[in-house]
Amino acid sequence: MTTPNELRLLPWSGPGGKPCYLSTDDPDGYMSRLADNIEAIQLGTAEQLLKMASETLDDEDADPIQLRRLGNALACALKDVLRVAVGREQLVPVGEPHRI
């Protein structure tokens, strides 16, 4: 949870790929809940892509175009997951164990 005057890195980027931040003291506010929901979707998508990647990489006859598309999707998902991890790292109070 953020404290007043503390910024939360949001799980989406702004114009030009710049990070977006939320300043609020209400962790249950609309924007906080929206960010939480989008983070959950991003993490779920990454998990599904990881399962798909395992299956596709085990297939010796996988189409090169399919592999390229999968690689692009994995790169996008990794970017999202890293943004979530960085945002959550910023929310961990000093002295608390870091769990990602």
PDB file of N, CA and C in Angstrom:
ATOM      1  N   MET A   1       0.828  -1.178   0.000  1.00  0.00           N
ATOM      2  CA  MET A   1       0.000   0.000   0.000  1.00  0.00           C
ATOM      3  C   MET A   1       0.878   1.249   0.000  1.00  0.00           C
ATOM      4  N   THR A   2       0.455   2.216  -0.734  1.00  0.00           N
ATOM      5  CA  THR A   2       1.221   3.442  -0.773  1.00  0.00           C
ATOM      6  C   THR A   2       0.829   4.343   0.391  1.00  0.00           C
ATOM      7  N   THR A   3       1.756   5.165   0.793  1.00  0.00           N
ATOM      8  CA  THR A   3       1.467   6.171   1.803  1.00  0.00           C
ATOM      9  C   THR A   3       1.295   7.493   1.085  1.00  0.00           C
ATOM     10  N   PRO A   4       0.679   8.492   1.721  1.00  0.00           N
ATOM     11  CA  PRO A   4       0.503   9.769   1.043  1.00  0.00           C
ATOM     12  C   PRO A   4       1.838  10.283   0.498  1.00  0.00           C
ATOM     13  N   ASN A   5       1.778  10.908  -0.671  1.00  0.00           N
ATOM     14  CA  ASN A   5       2.941  11.470  -1.351  1.00  0.00           C
ATOM     15  C   ASN A   5       3.880  10.394  -1.894  1.00  0.00           C
ATOM     16  N   GLU A   6       3.458   9.140  -1.908  1.00  0.00           N
ATOM     17  CA  GLU A   6       4.248   8.060  -2.486  1.00  0.00           C
ATOM     18  C   GLU A   6       3.604   7.682  -3.812  1.00  0.00           C
ATOM     19  N   LEU A   7       4.404   7.500  -4.834  1.00  0.00           N
ATOM     20  CA  LEU A   7       3.880   7.189  -6.154  1.00  0.00           C
ATOM     21  C   LEU A   7       3.894   5.691  -6.408  1.00  0.00           C
ATOM     22  N   ARG A   8       2.867   5.216  -7.082  1.00  0.00           N
ATOM     23  CA  ARG A   8       2.787   3.809  -7.484  1.00  0.00           C
ATOM     24  C   ARG A   8       3.022   3.741  -8.990  1.00  0.00           C
ATOM     25  N   LEU A   9       3.965   2.906  -9.404  1.00  0.00           N
ATOM     26  CA  LEU A   9       4.190   2.663 -10.814  1.00  0.00           C
ATOM     27  C   LEU A   9       3.013   1.847 -11.340  1.00  0.00           C
ATOM     28  N   LEU A  10       2.333   2.376 -12.340  1.00  0.00           N
ATOM     29  CA  LEU A  10       1.176   1.686 -12.895  1.00  0.00           C
ATOM     30  C   LEU A  10       1.614   0.653 -13.926  1.00  0.00           C
ATOM     31  N   PRO A  11       0.795  -0.382 -14.146  1.00  0.00           N
ATOM     32  CA  PRO A  11       1.197  -1.477 -15.035  1.00  0.00           C
ATOM     33  C   PRO A  11       0.985  -1.181 -16.518  1.00  0.00           C
ATOM     34  N   TRP A  12       0.951   0.067 -16.885  1.00  0.00           N
ATOM     35  CA  TRP A  12       0.866   0.448 -18.288  1.00  0.00           C
ATOM     36  C   TRP A  12       1.756   1.660 -18.491  1.00  0.00           C
ATOM     37  N   SER A  13       2.085   1.916 -19.737  1.00  0.00           N
ATOM     38  CA  SER A  13       2.941   3.062 -20.019  1.00  0.00           C
ATOM     39  C   SER A  13       2.129   4.162 -20.685  1.00  0.00           C
ATOM     40  N   GLY A  14       2.677   5.347 -20.639  1.00  0.00           N
ATOM     41  CA  GLY A  14       2.035   6.501 -21.235  1.00  0.00           C
ATOM     42  C   GLY A  14       2.569   6.761 -22.630  1.00  0.00           C
ATOM     43  N   PRO A  15       2.284   7.949 -23.134  1.00  0.00           N
ATOM     44  CA  PRO A  15       2.765   8.308 -24.477  1.00  0.00           C
ATOM     45  C   PRO A  15       4.283   8.163 -24.569  1.00  0.00           C
ATOM     46  N   GLY A  16       4.725   7.611 -25.671  1.00  0.00           N
ATOM     47  CA  GLY A  16       6.152   7.430 -25.886  1.00  0.00           C
ATOM     48  C   GLY A  16       6.765   6.358 -25.012  1.00  0.00           C
ATOM     49  N   GLY A  17       5.931   5.504 -24.400  1.00  0.00           N
ATOM     50  CA  GLY A  17       6.450   4.436 -23.552  1.00  0.00           C
ATOM     51  C   GLY A  17       6.912   4.889 -22.179  1.00  0.00           C
ATOM     52  N   LYS A  18       6.599   6.137 -21.822  1.00  0.00           N
ATOM     53  CA  LYS A  18       7.021   6.654 -20.520  1.00  0.00           C
ATOM     54  C   LYS A  18       6.190   6.031 -19.406  1.00  0.00           C
ATOM     55  N   PRO A  19       6.796   5.822 -18.228  1.00  0.00           N
ATOM     56  CA  PRO A  19       6.057   5.225 -17.120  1.00  0.00           C
ATOM     57  C   PRO A  19       4.940   6.143 -16.625  1.00  0.00           C
ATOM     58  N   CYS A  20       3.887   5.524 -16.125  1.00  0.00           N
ATOM     59  CA  CYS A  20       2.762   6.247 -15.515  1.00  0.00           C
ATOM     60  C   CYS A  20       2.773   5.948 -14.021  1.00  0.00           C
ATOM     61  N   TYR A  21       2.455   6.960 -13.233  1.00  0.00           N
ATOM     62  CA  TYR A  21       2.438   6.808 -11.778  1.00  0.00           C
ATOM     63  C   TYR A  21       1.102   7.274 -11.228  1.00  0.00           C
ATOM     64  N   LEU A  22       0.731   6.714 -10.099  1.00  0.00           N
ATOM     65  CA  LEU A  22      -0.481   7.087  -9.385  1.00  0.00           C
ATOM     66  C   LEU A  22      -0.092   7.604  -8.015  1.00  0.00           C
ATOM     67  N   SER A  23      -0.637   8.744  -7.664  1.00  0.00           N
ATOM     68  CA  SER A  23      -0.443   9.305  -6.330  1.00  0.00           C
ATOM     69  C   SER A  23      -1.781   9.249  -5.610  1.00  0.00           C
ATOM     70  N   THR A  24      -1.875   8.401  -4.605  1.00  0.00           N
ATOM     71  CA  THR A  24      -3.117   8.272  -3.844  1.00  0.00           C
ATOM     72  C   THR A  24      -2.811   7.707  -2.470  1.00  0.00           C
ATOM     73  N   ASP A  25      -3.665   8.025  -1.527  1.00  0.00           N
ATOM     74  CA  ASP A  25      -3.546   7.425  -0.201  1.00  0.00           C
ATOM     75  C   ASP A  25      -4.670   6.410   0.016  1.00  0.00           C
ATOM     76  N   ASP A  26      -5.379   6.062  -1.080  1.00  0.00           N
ATOM     77  CA  ASP A  26      -6.489   5.122  -1.006  1.00  0.00           C
ATOM     78  C   ASP A  26      -6.178   3.879  -1.839  1.00  0.00           C
ATOM     79  N   PRO A  27      -5.654   2.821  -1.202  1.00  0.00           N
ATOM     80  CA  PRO A  27      -5.323   1.603  -1.947  1.00  0.00           C
ATOM     81  C   PRO A  27      -6.557   0.882  -2.489  1.00  0.00           C
ATOM     82  N   ASP A  28      -7.752   1.294  -2.042  1.00  0.00           N
ATOM     83  CA  ASP A  28      -8.983   0.687  -2.534  1.00  0.00           C
ATOM     84  C   ASP A  28      -9.726   1.603  -3.502  1.00  0.00           C
ATOM     85  N   GLY A  29      -9.076   2.679  -3.923  1.00  0.00           N
ATOM     86  CA  GLY A  29      -9.690   3.594  -4.869  1.00  0.00           C
ATOM     87  C   GLY A  29      -9.801   2.972  -6.255  1.00  0.00           C
ATOM     88  N   TYR A  30     -10.576   3.631  -7.111  1.00  0.00           N
ATOM     89  CA  TYR A  30     -10.827   3.107  -8.451  1.00  0.00           C
ATOM     90  C   TYR A  30      -9.541   2.828  -9.214  1.00  0.00           C
ATOM     91  N   MET A  31      -8.634   3.786  -9.279  1.00  0.00           N
ATOM     92  CA  MET A  31      -7.404   3.611 -10.059  1.00  0.00           C
ATOM     93  C   MET A  31      -6.510   2.525  -9.461  1.00  0.00           C
ATOM     94  N   SER A  32      -6.454   2.432  -8.143  1.00  0.00           N
ATOM     95  CA  SER A  32      -5.663   1.376  -7.502  1.00  0.00           C
ATOM     96  C   SER A  32      -6.219   0.000  -7.841  1.00  0.00           C
ATOM     97  N   ARG A  33      -7.538  -0.131  -7.772  1.00  0.00           N
ATOM     98  CA  ARG A  33      -8.170  -1.414  -8.109  1.00  0.00           C
ATOM     99  C   ARG A  33      -7.990  -1.744  -9.585  1.00  0.00           C
ATOM    100  N   LEU A  34      -8.096  -0.723 -10.445  1.00  0.00           N
ATOM    101  CA  LEU A  34      -7.884  -0.937 -11.870  1.00  0.00           C
ATOM    102  C   LEU A  34      -6.464  -1.435 -12.123  1.00  0.00           C
ATOM    103  N   ALA A  35      -5.484  -0.803 -11.495  1.00  0.00           N
ATOM    104  CA  ALA A  35      -4.093  -1.230 -11.644  1.00  0.00           C
ATOM    105  C   ALA A  35      -3.904  -2.653 -11.130  1.00  0.00           C
ATOM    106  N   ASP A  36      -4.503  -2.983  -9.985  1.00  0.00           N
ATOM    107  CA  ASP A  36      -4.411  -4.344  -9.443  1.00  0.00           C
ATOM    108  C   ASP A  36      -4.980  -5.364 -10.431  1.00  0.00           C
ATOM    109  N   ASN A  37      -6.136  -5.039 -11.021  1.00  0.00           N
ATOM    110  CA  ASN A  37      -6.773  -5.955 -11.968  1.00  0.00           C
ATOM    111  C   ASN A  37      -5.937  -6.128 -13.231  1.00  0.00           C
ATOM    112  N   ILE A  38      -5.383  -5.055 -13.732  1.00  0.00           N
ATOM    113  CA  ILE A  38      -4.550  -5.157 -14.937  1.00  0.00           C
ATOM    114  C   ILE A  38      -3.287  -5.953 -14.644  1.00  0.00           C
ATOM    115  N   GLU A  39      -2.684  -5.746 -13.467  1.00  0.00           N
ATOM    116  CA  GLU A  39      -1.519  -6.543 -13.085  1.00  0.00           C
ATOM    117  C   GLU A  39      -1.868  -8.023 -13.064  1.00  0.00           C
ATOM    118  N   ALA A  40      -3.026  -8.365 -12.509  1.00  0.00           N
ATOM    119  CA  ALA A  40      -3.446  -9.770 -12.442  1.00  0.00           C
ATOM    120  C   ALA A  40      -3.613 -10.345 -13.848  1.00  0.00           C
ATOM    121  N   ILE A  41      -4.188  -9.565 -14.751  1.00  0.00           N
ATOM    122  CA  ILE A  41      -4.353 -10.021 -16.137  1.00  0.00           C
ATOM    123  C   ILE A  41      -2.989 -10.213 -16.791  1.00  0.00           C
ATOM    124  N   GLN A  42      -2.090  -9.266 -16.594  1.00  0.00           N
ATOM    125  CA  GLN A  42      -0.756  -9.366 -17.196  1.00  0.00           C
ATOM    126  C   GLN A  42      -0.011 -10.590 -16.682  1.00  0.00           C
ATOM    127  N   LEU A  43      -0.087 -10.850 -15.394  1.00  0.00           N
ATOM    128  CA  LEU A  43       0.598 -12.015 -14.827  1.00  0.00           C
ATOM    129  C   LEU A  43      -0.035 -13.313 -15.328  1.00  0.00           C
ATOM    130  N   GLY A  44      -1.358 -13.329 -15.445  1.00  0.00           N
ATOM    131  CA  GLY A  44      -2.050 -14.510 -15.968  1.00  0.00           C
ATOM    132  C   GLY A  44      -1.684 -14.782 -17.417  1.00  0.00           C
ATOM    133  N   THR A  45      -1.596 -13.721 -18.211  1.00  0.00           N
ATOM    134  CA  THR A  45      -1.199 -13.862 -19.610  1.00  0.00           C
ATOM    135  C   THR A  45       0.208 -14.422 -19.712  1.00  0.00           C
ATOM    136  N   ALA A  46       1.120 -13.908 -18.891  1.00  0.00           N
ATOM    137  CA  ALA A  46       2.501 -14.409 -18.901  1.00  0.00           C
ATOM    138  C   ALA A  46       2.538 -15.894 -18.539  1.00  0.00           C
ATOM    139  N   GLU A  47       1.738 -16.286 -17.572  1.00  0.00           N
ATOM    140  CA  GLU A  47       1.693 -17.695 -17.173  1.00  0.00           C
ATOM    141  C   GLU A  47       1.186 -18.569 -18.320  1.00  0.00           C
ATOM    142  N   GLN A  48       0.148 -18.126 -19.016  1.00  0.00           N
ATOM    143  CA  GLN A  48      -0.374 -18.882 -20.156  1.00  0.00           C
ATOM    144  C   GLN A  48       0.655 -18.970 -21.285  1.00  0.00           C
ATOM    145  N   LEU A  49       1.333 -17.869 -21.553  1.00  0.00           N
ATOM    146  CA  LEU A  49       2.358 -17.872 -22.601  1.00  0.00           C
ATOM    147  C   LEU A  49       3.516 -18.796 -22.247  1.00  0.00           C
ATOM    148  N   LEU A  50       3.879 -18.851 -20.987  1.00  0.00           N
ATOM    149  CA  LEU A  50       4.952 -19.738 -20.563  1.00  0.00           C
ATOM    150  C   LEU A  50       4.575 -21.203 -20.805  1.00  0.00           C
ATOM    151  N   LYS A  51       3.336 -21.558 -20.503  1.00  0.00           N
ATOM    152  CA  LYS A  51       2.874 -22.923 -20.776  1.00  0.00           C
ATOM    153  C   LYS A  51       2.887 -23.202 -22.277  1.00  0.00           C
ATOM    154  N   MET A  52       2.412 -22.220 -23.048  1.00  0.00           N
ATOM    155  CA  MET A  52       2.398 -22.373 -24.498  1.00  0.00           C
ATOM    156  C   MET A  52       3.815 -22.509 -25.041  1.00  0.00           C
ATOM    157  N   ALA A  53       4.736 -21.739 -24.490  1.00  0.00           N
ATOM    158  CA  ALA A  53       6.127 -21.797 -24.947  1.00  0.00           C
ATOM    159  C   ALA A  53       6.727 -23.169 -24.679  1.00  0.00           C
ATOM    160  N   SER A  54       6.446 -23.717 -23.508  1.00  0.00           N
ATOM    161  CA  SER A  54       6.976 -25.053 -23.182  1.00  0.00           C
ATOM    162  C   SER A  54       6.494 -26.085 -24.187  1.00  0.00           C
ATOM    163  N   GLU A  55       5.209 -26.032 -24.514  1.00  0.00           N
ATOM    164  CA  GLU A  55       4.644 -26.980 -25.467  1.00  0.00           C
ATOM    165  C   GLU A  55       5.221 -26.762 -26.870  1.00  0.00           C
ATOM    166  N   THR A  56       5.311 -25.501 -27.279  1.00  0.00           N
ATOM    167  CA  THR A  56       5.794 -25.192 -28.625  1.00  0.00           C
ATOM    168  C   THR A  56       7.261 -25.560 -28.784  1.00  0.00           C
ATOM    169  N   LEU A  57       8.064 -25.274 -27.785  1.00  0.00           N
ATOM    170  CA  LEU A  57       9.493 -25.586 -27.872  1.00  0.00           C
ATOM    171  C   LEU A  57       9.756 -27.085 -27.846  1.00  0.00           C
ATOM    172  N   ASP A  58       8.840 -27.850 -27.263  1.00  0.00           N
ATOM    173  CA  ASP A  58       8.969 -29.309 -27.282  1.00  0.00           C
ATOM    174  C   ASP A  58       8.612 -29.903 -28.639  1.00  0.00           C
ATOM    175  N   ASP A  59       7.916 -29.130 -29.468  1.00  0.00           N
ATOM    176  CA  ASP A  59       7.494 -29.591 -30.794  1.00  0.00           C
ATOM    177  C   ASP A  59       8.623 -29.359 -31.795  1.00  0.00           C
ATOM    178  N   GLU A  60       9.252 -30.434 -32.228  1.00  0.00           N
ATOM    179  CA  GLU A  60      10.375 -30.329 -33.169  1.00  0.00           C
ATOM    180  C   GLU A  60       9.940 -29.807 -34.534  1.00  0.00           C
ATOM    181  N   ASP A  61       8.653 -29.905 -34.831  1.00  0.00           N
ATOM    182  CA  ASP A  61       8.133 -29.453 -36.123  1.00  0.00           C
ATOM    183  C   ASP A  61       7.475 -28.076 -36.026  1.00  0.00           C
ATOM    184  N   ALA A  62       7.769 -27.335 -34.986  1.00  0.00           N
ATOM    185  CA  ALA A  62       7.155 -26.015 -34.816  1.00  0.00           C
ATOM    186  C   ALA A  62       7.537 -25.107 -35.977  1.00  0.00           C
ATOM    187  N   ASP A  63       6.565 -24.394 -36.469  1.00  0.00           N
ATOM    188  CA  ASP A  63       6.745 -23.470 -37.594  1.00  0.00           C
ATOM    189  C   ASP A  63       7.573 -22.265 -37.152  1.00  0.00           C
ATOM    190  N   PRO A  64       8.569 -21.856 -37.946  1.00  0.00           N
ATOM    191  CA  PRO A  64       9.396 -20.695 -37.579  1.00  0.00           C
ATOM    192  C   PRO A  64       8.585 -19.415 -37.363  1.00  0.00           C
ATOM    193  N   ILE A  65       7.535 -19.216 -38.143  1.00  0.00           N
ATOM    194  CA  ILE A  65       6.693 -18.024 -37.954  1.00  0.00           C
ATOM    195  C   ILE A  65       5.979 -18.101 -36.609  1.00  0.00           C
ATOM    196  N   GLN A  66       5.500 -19.288 -36.261  1.00  0.00           N
ATOM    197  CA  GLN A  66       4.845 -19.492 -34.963  1.00  0.00           C
ATOM    198  C   GLN A  66       5.829 -19.218 -33.826  1.00  0.00           C
ATOM    199  N   LEU A  67       7.068 -19.675 -33.989  1.00  0.00           N
ATOM    200  CA  LEU A  67       8.082 -19.440 -32.962  1.00  0.00           C
ATOM    201  C   LEU A  67       8.400 -17.948 -32.823  1.00  0.00           C
ATOM    202  N   ARG A  68       8.467 -17.241 -33.937  1.00  0.00           N
ATOM    203  CA  ARG A  68       8.738 -15.803 -33.904  1.00  0.00           C
ATOM    204  C   ARG A  68       7.595 -15.064 -33.198  1.00  0.00           C
ATOM    205  N   ARG A  69       6.365 -15.407 -33.519  1.00  0.00           N
ATOM    206  CA  ARG A  69       5.208 -14.772 -32.866  1.00  0.00           C
ATOM    207  C   ARG A  69       5.205 -15.067 -31.365  1.00  0.00           C
ATOM    208  N   LEU A  70       5.524 -16.300 -31.023  1.00  0.00           N
ATOM    209  CA  LEU A  70       5.596 -16.667 -29.615  1.00  0.00           C
ATOM    210  C   LEU A  70       6.692 -15.878 -28.909  1.00  0.00           C
ATOM    211  N   GLY A  71       7.853 -15.752 -29.553  1.00  0.00           N
ATOM    212  CA  GLY A  71       8.944 -14.968 -28.971  1.00  0.00           C
ATOM    213  C   GLY A  71       8.548 -13.520 -28.751  1.00  0.00           C
ATOM    214  N   ASN A  72       7.857 -12.927 -29.715  1.00  0.00           N
ATOM    215  CA  ASN A  72       7.387 -11.550 -29.556  1.00  0.00           C
ATOM    216  C   ASN A  72       6.386 -11.432 -28.414  1.00  0.00           C
ATOM    217  N   ALA A  73       5.464 -12.383 -28.332  1.00  0.00           N
ATOM    218  CA  ALA A  73       4.473 -12.358 -27.250  1.00  0.00           C
ATOM    219  C   ALA A  73       5.151 -12.531 -25.889  1.00  0.00           C
ATOM    220  N   LEU A  74       6.150 -13.413 -25.828  1.00  0.00           N
ATOM    221  CA  LEU A  74       6.881 -13.612 -24.571  1.00  0.00           C
ATOM    222  C   LEU A  74       7.653 -12.356 -24.170  1.00  0.00           C
ATOM    223  N   ALA A  75       8.247 -11.673 -25.147  1.00  0.00           N
ATOM    224  CA  ALA A  75       8.980 -10.439 -24.857  1.00  0.00           C
ATOM    225  C   ALA A  75       8.039  -9.369 -24.304  1.00  0.00           C
ATOM    226  N   CYS A  76       6.855  -9.243 -24.890  1.00  0.00           N
ATOM    227  CA  CYS A  76       5.862  -8.276 -24.388  1.00  0.00           C
ATOM    228  C   CYS A  76       5.407  -8.640 -22.979  1.00  0.00           C
ATOM    229  N   ALA A  77       5.168  -9.928 -22.753  1.00  0.00           N
ATOM    230  CA  ALA A  77       4.734 -10.370 -21.434  1.00  0.00           C
ATOM    231  C   ALA A  77       5.830 -10.150 -20.396  1.00  0.00           C
ATOM    232  N   LEU A  78       7.084 -10.401 -20.774  1.00  0.00           N
ATOM    233  CA  LEU A  78       8.194 -10.181 -19.848  1.00  0.00           C
ATOM    234  C   LEU A  78       8.298  -8.708 -19.479  1.00  0.00           C
ATOM    235  N   LYS A  79       8.117  -7.833 -20.451  1.00  0.00           N
ATOM    236  CA  LYS A  79       8.136  -6.395 -20.190  1.00  0.00           C
ATOM    237  C   LYS A  79       7.053  -6.021 -19.174  1.00  0.00           C
ATOM    238  N   ASP A  80       5.847  -6.581 -19.352  1.00  0.00           N
ATOM    239  CA  ASP A  80       4.752  -6.310 -18.411  1.00  0.00           C
ATOM    240  C   ASP A  80       5.063  -6.846 -17.019  1.00  0.00           C
ATOM    241  N   VAL A  81       5.579  -8.076 -16.960  1.00  0.00           N
ATOM    242  CA  VAL A  81       5.878  -8.699 -15.667  1.00  0.00           C
ATOM    243  C   VAL A  81       6.981  -7.921 -14.945  1.00  0.00           C
ATOM    244  N   LEU A  82       7.978  -7.463 -15.680  1.00  0.00           N
ATOM    245  CA  LEU A  82       9.036  -6.670 -15.052  1.00  0.00           C
ATOM    246  C   LEU A  82       8.488  -5.355 -14.501  1.00  0.00           C
ATOM    247  N   ARG A  83       7.570  -4.728 -15.234  1.00  0.00           N
ATOM    248  CA  ARG A  83       6.962  -3.487 -14.741  1.00  0.00           C
ATOM    249  C   ARG A  83       6.177  -3.763 -13.456  1.00  0.00           C
ATOM    250  N   VAL A  84       5.436  -4.867 -13.426  1.00  0.00           N
ATOM    251  CA  VAL A  84       4.694  -5.238 -12.216  1.00  0.00           C
ATOM    252  C   VAL A  84       5.669  -5.470 -11.066  1.00  0.00           C
ATOM    253  N   ALA A  85       6.760  -6.202 -11.326  1.00  0.00           N
ATOM    254  CA  ALA A  85       7.740  -6.495 -10.278  1.00  0.00           C
ATOM    255  C   ALA A  85       8.363  -5.219  -9.733  1.00  0.00           C
ATOM    256  N   VAL A  86       8.738  -4.306 -10.617  1.00  0.00           N
ATOM    257  CA  VAL A  86       9.331  -3.039 -10.174  1.00  0.00           C
ATOM    258  C   VAL A  86       8.314  -2.246  -9.362  1.00  0.00           C
ATOM    259  N   GLY A  87       7.073  -2.201  -9.835  1.00  0.00           N
ATOM    260  CA  GLY A  87       6.037  -1.482  -9.106  1.00  0.00           C
ATOM    261  C   GLY A  87       5.794  -2.062  -7.729  1.00  0.00           C
ATOM    262  N   ARG A  88       5.783  -3.375  -7.638  1.00  0.00           N
ATOM    263  CA  ARG A  88       5.557  -4.012  -6.337  1.00  0.00           C
ATOM    264  C   ARG A  88       6.764  -3.841  -5.423  1.00  0.00           C
ATOM    265  N   GLU A  89       7.951  -3.855  -5.991  1.00  0.00           N
ATOM    266  CA  GLU A  89       9.165  -3.634  -5.196  1.00  0.00           C
ATOM    267  C   GLU A  89       9.099  -2.263  -4.525  1.00  0.00           C
ATOM    268  N   GLN A  90       8.577  -1.294  -5.249  1.00  0.00           N
ATOM    269  CA  GLN A  90       8.475   0.057  -4.701  1.00  0.00           C
ATOM    270  C   GLN A  90       7.455   0.137  -3.577  1.00  0.00           C
ATOM    271  N   LEU A  91       6.515  -0.807  -3.532  1.00  0.00           N
ATOM    272  CA  LEU A  91       5.472  -0.790  -2.509  1.00  0.00           C
ATOM    273  C   LEU A  91       5.865  -1.520  -1.231  1.00  0.00           C
ATOM    274  N   VAL A  92       6.984  -2.232  -1.233  1.00  0.00           N
ATOM    275  CA  VAL A  92       7.409  -2.997  -0.065  1.00  0.00           C
ATOM    276  C   VAL A  92       7.997  -2.045   0.967  1.00  0.00           C
ATOM    277  N   PRO A  93       7.409  -2.004   2.172  1.00  0.00           N
ATOM    278  CA  PRO A  93       7.972  -1.133   3.199  1.00  0.00           C
ATOM    279  C   PRO A  93       9.399  -1.530   3.551  1.00  0.00           C
ATOM    280  N   VAL A  94      10.200  -0.572   3.921  1.00  0.00           N
ATOM    281  CA  VAL A  94      11.593  -0.817   4.309  1.00  0.00           C
ATOM    282  C   VAL A  94      11.608  -1.829   5.457  1.00  0.00           C
ATOM    283  N   GLY A  95      12.477  -2.816   5.359  1.00  0.00           N
ATOM    284  CA  GLY A  95      12.596  -3.841   6.405  1.00  0.00           C
ATOM    285  C   GLY A  95      11.742  -5.061   6.129  1.00  0.00           C
ATOM    286  N   GLU A  96      10.809  -4.987   5.183  1.00  0.00           N
ATOM    287  CA  GLU A  96       9.957  -6.130   4.842  1.00  0.00           C
ATOM    288  C   GLU A  96      10.694  -7.004   3.826  1.00  0.00           C
ATOM    289  N   PRO A  97      10.468  -8.310   3.862  1.00  0.00           N
ATOM    290  CA  PRO A  97      11.080  -9.171   2.849  1.00  0.00           C
ATOM    291  C   PRO A  97      10.497  -8.854   1.485  1.00  0.00           C
ATOM    292  N   HIS A  98      11.324  -8.939   0.453  1.00  0.00           N
ATOM    293  CA  HIS A  98      10.883  -8.658  -0.910  1.00  0.00           C
ATOM    294  C   HIS A  98      10.385  -9.943  -1.541  1.00  0.00           C
ATOM    295  N   ARG A  99       9.108  -9.964  -1.885  1.00  0.00           N
ATOM    296  CA  ARG A  99       8.524 -11.125  -2.555  1.00  0.00           C
ATOM    297  C   ARG A  99       7.953 -10.669  -3.876  1.00  0.00           C
ATOM    298  N   ILE A 100       8.371 -11.357  -4.938  1.00  0.00           N
ATOM    299  CA  ILE A 100       7.847 -11.030  -6.262  1.00  0.00           C
ATOM    300  C   ILE A 100       7.282 -12.276  -6.873  1.00  0.00           C
TER     301      ILE A 100
END
